[in-house]
Amino acid sequence: MKIKVLAVLGLAAVAGLAGCRSATNTNTAVVTNTTTTTTNMTASTPMSTPMATADPATKKTIEDALAKKGITGVTVDAMSNGVTLRGTVAKGKMAEAVQTAQEAGKKTVKSELTEK
């Protein structure tokens, strides 16, 4: 008789726990003896990437290097994740401007330059 009662109670507990779970439930409670641990689970959140910050020292270094090579008309946007060059350069100077920026800034350089 005791075994039948325990079996019925065990099945009722399993059925009750199974009924609590649904596709939209994101909170799971784990009960061990008298300790309750709640875990907040989220459905596939993308990894956040740190925000890029301005890098004025690199900007100044690249601007000085470009001026030293006689390359004008270039706007330098230096961020912690790379450098973007914008503007217009003399014909045949685009590759030199990008190479100079790479060597001076030691960062990835994205060119949005045009030649005139």
C-alpha atoms as a PDB file:
ATOM      1  CA  MET A   1       0.000   0.000   0.000  1.00  0.00           C
ATOM      2  CA  LYS A   2       2.798   2.436   0.909  1.00  0.00           C
ATOM      3  CA  ILE A   3       4.561   1.700  -2.387  1.00  0.00           C
ATOM      4  CA  LYS A   4       1.389   2.474  -4.377  1.00  0.00           C
ATOM      5  CA  VAL A   5       0.932   5.791  -2.533  1.00  0.00           C
ATOM      6  CA  LEU A   6       4.580   6.752  -3.084  1.00  0.00           C
ATOM      7  CA  ALA A   7       4.357   5.790  -6.767  1.00  0.00           C
ATOM      8  CA  VAL A   8       1.211   7.887  -7.247  1.00  0.00           C
ATOM      9  CA  LEU A   9       2.774  10.863  -5.438  1.00  0.00           C
ATOM     10  CA  GLY A  10       5.971  10.503  -7.486  1.00  0.00           C
ATOM     11  CA  LEU A  11       4.043  10.409 -10.765  1.00  0.00           C
ATOM     12  CA  ALA A  12       1.954  13.395  -9.687  1.00  0.00           C
ATOM     13  CA  ALA A  13       5.117  15.355  -8.875  1.00  0.00           C
ATOM     14  CA  VAL A  14       6.677  14.501 -12.246  1.00  0.00           C
ATOM     15  CA  ALA A  15       3.453  15.417 -14.074  1.00  0.00           C
ATOM     16  CA  GLY A  16       3.251  18.686 -12.143  1.00  0.00           C
ATOM     17  CA  LEU A  17       6.838  19.608 -13.029  1.00  0.00           C
ATOM     18  CA  ALA A  18       6.324  18.690 -16.664  1.00  0.00           C
ATOM     19  CA  GLY A  19       3.241  20.894 -16.788  1.00  0.00           C
ATOM     20  CA  CYS A  20       5.223  23.890 -15.504  1.00  0.00           C
ATOM     21  CA  ARG A  21       7.607  23.821 -18.443  1.00  0.00           C
ATOM     22  CA  SER A  22       6.569  25.594 -21.634  1.00  0.00           C
ATOM     23  CA  ALA A  23       8.324  27.021 -24.679  1.00  0.00           C
ATOM     24  CA  THR A  24       8.000  30.575 -23.354  1.00  0.00           C
ATOM     25  CA  ASN A  25       9.185  29.892 -19.801  1.00  0.00           C
ATOM     26  CA  THR A  26      12.669  31.373 -19.426  1.00  0.00           C
ATOM     27  CA  ASN A  27      13.070  30.976 -15.668  1.00  0.00           C
ATOM     28  CA  THR A  28      14.016  27.601 -14.215  1.00  0.00           C
ATOM     29  CA  ALA A  29      13.966  26.783 -10.508  1.00  0.00           C
ATOM     30  CA  VAL A  30      16.186  23.983  -9.207  1.00  0.00           C
ATOM     31  CA  VAL A  31      15.252  22.690  -5.753  1.00  0.00           C
ATOM     32  CA  THR A  32      17.763  20.664  -3.748  1.00  0.00           C
ATOM     33  CA  ASN A  33      16.668  19.760  -0.208  1.00  0.00           C
ATOM     34  CA  THR A  34      15.758  23.211   1.141  1.00  0.00           C
ATOM     35  CA  THR A  35      17.937  25.354  -1.166  1.00  0.00           C
ATOM     36  CA  THR A  36      16.341  27.044  -4.177  1.00  0.00           C
ATOM     37  CA  THR A  37      18.494  28.279  -7.041  1.00  0.00           C
ATOM     38  CA  THR A  38      16.883  30.341  -9.797  1.00  0.00           C
ATOM     39  CA  THR A  39      18.598  30.595 -13.153  1.00  0.00           C
ATOM     40  CA  ASN A  40      17.523  33.201 -15.677  1.00  0.00           C
ATOM     41  CA  MET A  41      17.917  31.722 -19.148  1.00  0.00           C
ATOM     42  CA  THR A  42      17.537  33.765 -22.314  1.00  0.00           C
ATOM     43  CA  ALA A  43      16.937  32.564 -25.834  1.00  0.00           C
ATOM     44  CA  SER A  44      20.062  33.010 -27.989  1.00  0.00           C
ATOM     45  CA  THR A  45      21.106  36.570 -27.314  1.00  0.00           C
ATOM     46  CA  PRO A  46      23.933  37.779 -29.550  1.00  0.00           C
ATOM     47  CA  MET A  47      27.272  38.610 -28.006  1.00  0.00           C
ATOM     48  CA  SER A  48      27.564  42.335 -27.513  1.00  0.00           C
ATOM     49  CA  THR A  49      30.589  43.992 -29.003  1.00  0.00           C
ATOM     50  CA  PRO A  50      32.273  46.796 -27.168  1.00  0.00           C
ATOM     51  CA  MET A  51      31.680  50.248 -28.560  1.00  0.00           C
ATOM     52  CA  ALA A  52      34.552  51.724 -30.522  1.00  0.00           C
ATOM     53  CA  THR A  53      36.025  54.833 -28.931  1.00  0.00           C
ATOM     54  CA  ALA A  54      37.805  57.761 -30.524  1.00  0.00           C
ATOM     55  CA  ASP A  55      41.601  57.576 -30.667  1.00  0.00           C
ATOM     56  CA  PRO A  56      42.903  61.171 -30.893  1.00  0.00           C
ATOM     57  CA  ALA A  57      46.567  60.179 -30.539  1.00  0.00           C
ATOM     58  CA  THR A  58      46.412  57.885 -33.590  1.00  0.00           C
ATOM     59  CA  LYS A  59      44.465  60.526 -35.534  1.00  0.00           C
ATOM     60  CA  LYS A  60      47.176  63.136 -34.877  1.00  0.00           C
ATOM     61  CA  THR A  61      49.978  60.686 -35.755  1.00  0.00           C
ATOM     62  CA  ILE A  62      48.373  59.795 -39.099  1.00  0.00           C
ATOM     63  CA  GLU A  63      47.525  63.407 -39.960  1.00  0.00           C
ATOM     64  CA  ASP A  64      51.150  64.406 -39.279  1.00  0.00           C
ATOM     65  CA  ALA A  65      52.488  61.508 -41.390  1.00  0.00           C
ATOM     66  CA  LEU A  66      50.190  62.413 -44.306  1.00  0.00           C
ATOM     67  CA  ALA A  67      51.199  66.088 -44.100  1.00  0.00           C
ATOM     68  CA  LYS A  68      54.878  65.088 -44.083  1.00  0.00           C
ATOM     69  CA  LYS A  69      54.308  63.161 -47.356  1.00  0.00           C
ATOM     70  CA  GLY A  70      52.492  66.169 -48.857  1.00  0.00           C
ATOM     71  CA  ILE A  71      49.112  64.416 -48.980  1.00  0.00           C
ATOM     72  CA  THR A  72      46.285  66.903 -48.371  1.00  0.00           C
ATOM     73  CA  GLY A  73      42.479  66.796 -48.544  1.00  0.00           C
ATOM     74  CA  VAL A  74      42.206  63.740 -46.287  1.00  0.00           C
ATOM     75  CA  THR A  75      40.020  63.538 -43.190  1.00  0.00           C
ATOM     76  CA  VAL A  76      41.180  60.942 -40.644  1.00  0.00           C
ATOM     77  CA  ASP A  77      38.620  59.210 -38.424  1.00  0.00           C
ATOM     78  CA  ALA A  78      40.604  57.157 -35.887  1.00  0.00           C
ATOM     79  CA  MET A  79      38.725  54.811 -33.594  1.00  0.00           C
ATOM     80  CA  SER A  80      39.914  52.057 -31.253  1.00  0.00           C
ATOM     81  CA  ASN A  81      38.944  49.411 -33.826  1.00  0.00           C
ATOM     82  CA  GLY A  82      40.504  51.030 -36.924  1.00  0.00           C
ATOM     83  CA  VAL A  83      41.003  54.103 -39.069  1.00  0.00           C
ATOM     84  CA  THR A  84      38.871  55.500 -41.901  1.00  0.00           C
ATOM     85  CA  LEU A  85      40.299  57.876 -44.486  1.00  0.00           C
ATOM     86  CA  ARG A  86      37.850  60.157 -46.305  1.00  0.00           C
ATOM     87  CA  GLY A  87      38.333  62.866 -48.862  1.00  0.00           C
ATOM     88  CA  THR A  88      39.966  63.534 -52.198  1.00  0.00           C
ATOM     89  CA  VAL A  89      43.641  63.051 -53.028  1.00  0.00           C
ATOM     90  CA  ALA A  90      45.730  63.830 -56.106  1.00  0.00           C
ATOM     91  CA  LYS A  91      45.741  61.224 -58.857  1.00  0.00           C
ATOM     92  CA  GLY A  92      48.161  58.397 -58.005  1.00  0.00           C
ATOM     93  CA  LYS A  93      48.355  59.293 -54.285  1.00  0.00           C
ATOM     94  CA  MET A  94      45.597  57.038 -52.936  1.00  0.00           C
ATOM     95  CA  ALA A  95      47.775  53.963 -52.355  1.00  0.00           C
ATOM     96  CA  GLU A  96      50.476  56.100 -50.766  1.00  0.00           C
ATOM     97  CA  ALA A  97      47.937  57.711 -48.412  1.00  0.00           C
ATOM     98  CA  VAL A  98      46.588  54.335 -47.276  1.00  0.00           C
ATOM     99  CA  GLN A  99      50.070  52.861 -46.822  1.00  0.00           C
ATOM    100  CA  THR A 100      51.219  55.914 -44.847  1.00  0.00           C
ATOM    101  CA  ALA A 101      48.168  55.674 -42.573  1.00  0.00           C
ATOM    102  CA  GLN A 102      48.751  51.942 -41.987  1.00  0.00           C
ATOM    103  CA  GLU A 103      52.410  52.452 -41.110  1.00  0.00           C
ATOM    104  CA  ALA A 104      51.793  55.469 -38.872  1.00  0.00           C
ATOM    105  CA  GLY A 105      48.655  54.248 -37.091  1.00  0.00           C
ATOM    106  CA  LYS A 106      49.467  50.526 -36.809  1.00  0.00           C
ATOM    107  CA  LYS A 107      45.733  49.807 -37.266  1.00  0.00           C
ATOM    108  CA  THR A 108      43.384  48.558 -39.964  1.00  0.00           C
ATOM    109  CA  VAL A 109      42.728  51.320 -42.496  1.00  0.00           C
ATOM    110  CA  LYS A 110      39.480  51.642 -44.427  1.00  0.00           C
ATOM    111  CA  SER A 111      39.778  53.901 -47.459  1.00  0.00           C
ATOM    112  CA  GLU A 112      36.868  56.029 -48.619  1.00  0.00           C
ATOM    113  CA  LEU A 113      39.207  58.206 -50.672  1.00  0.00           C
ATOM    114  CA  THR A 114      38.653  59.395 -54.226  1.00  0.00           C
ATOM    115  CA  GLU A 115      41.243  60.593 -56.700  1.00  0.00           C
ATOM    116  CA  LYS A 116      40.865  63.837 -58.641  1.00  0.00           C
END
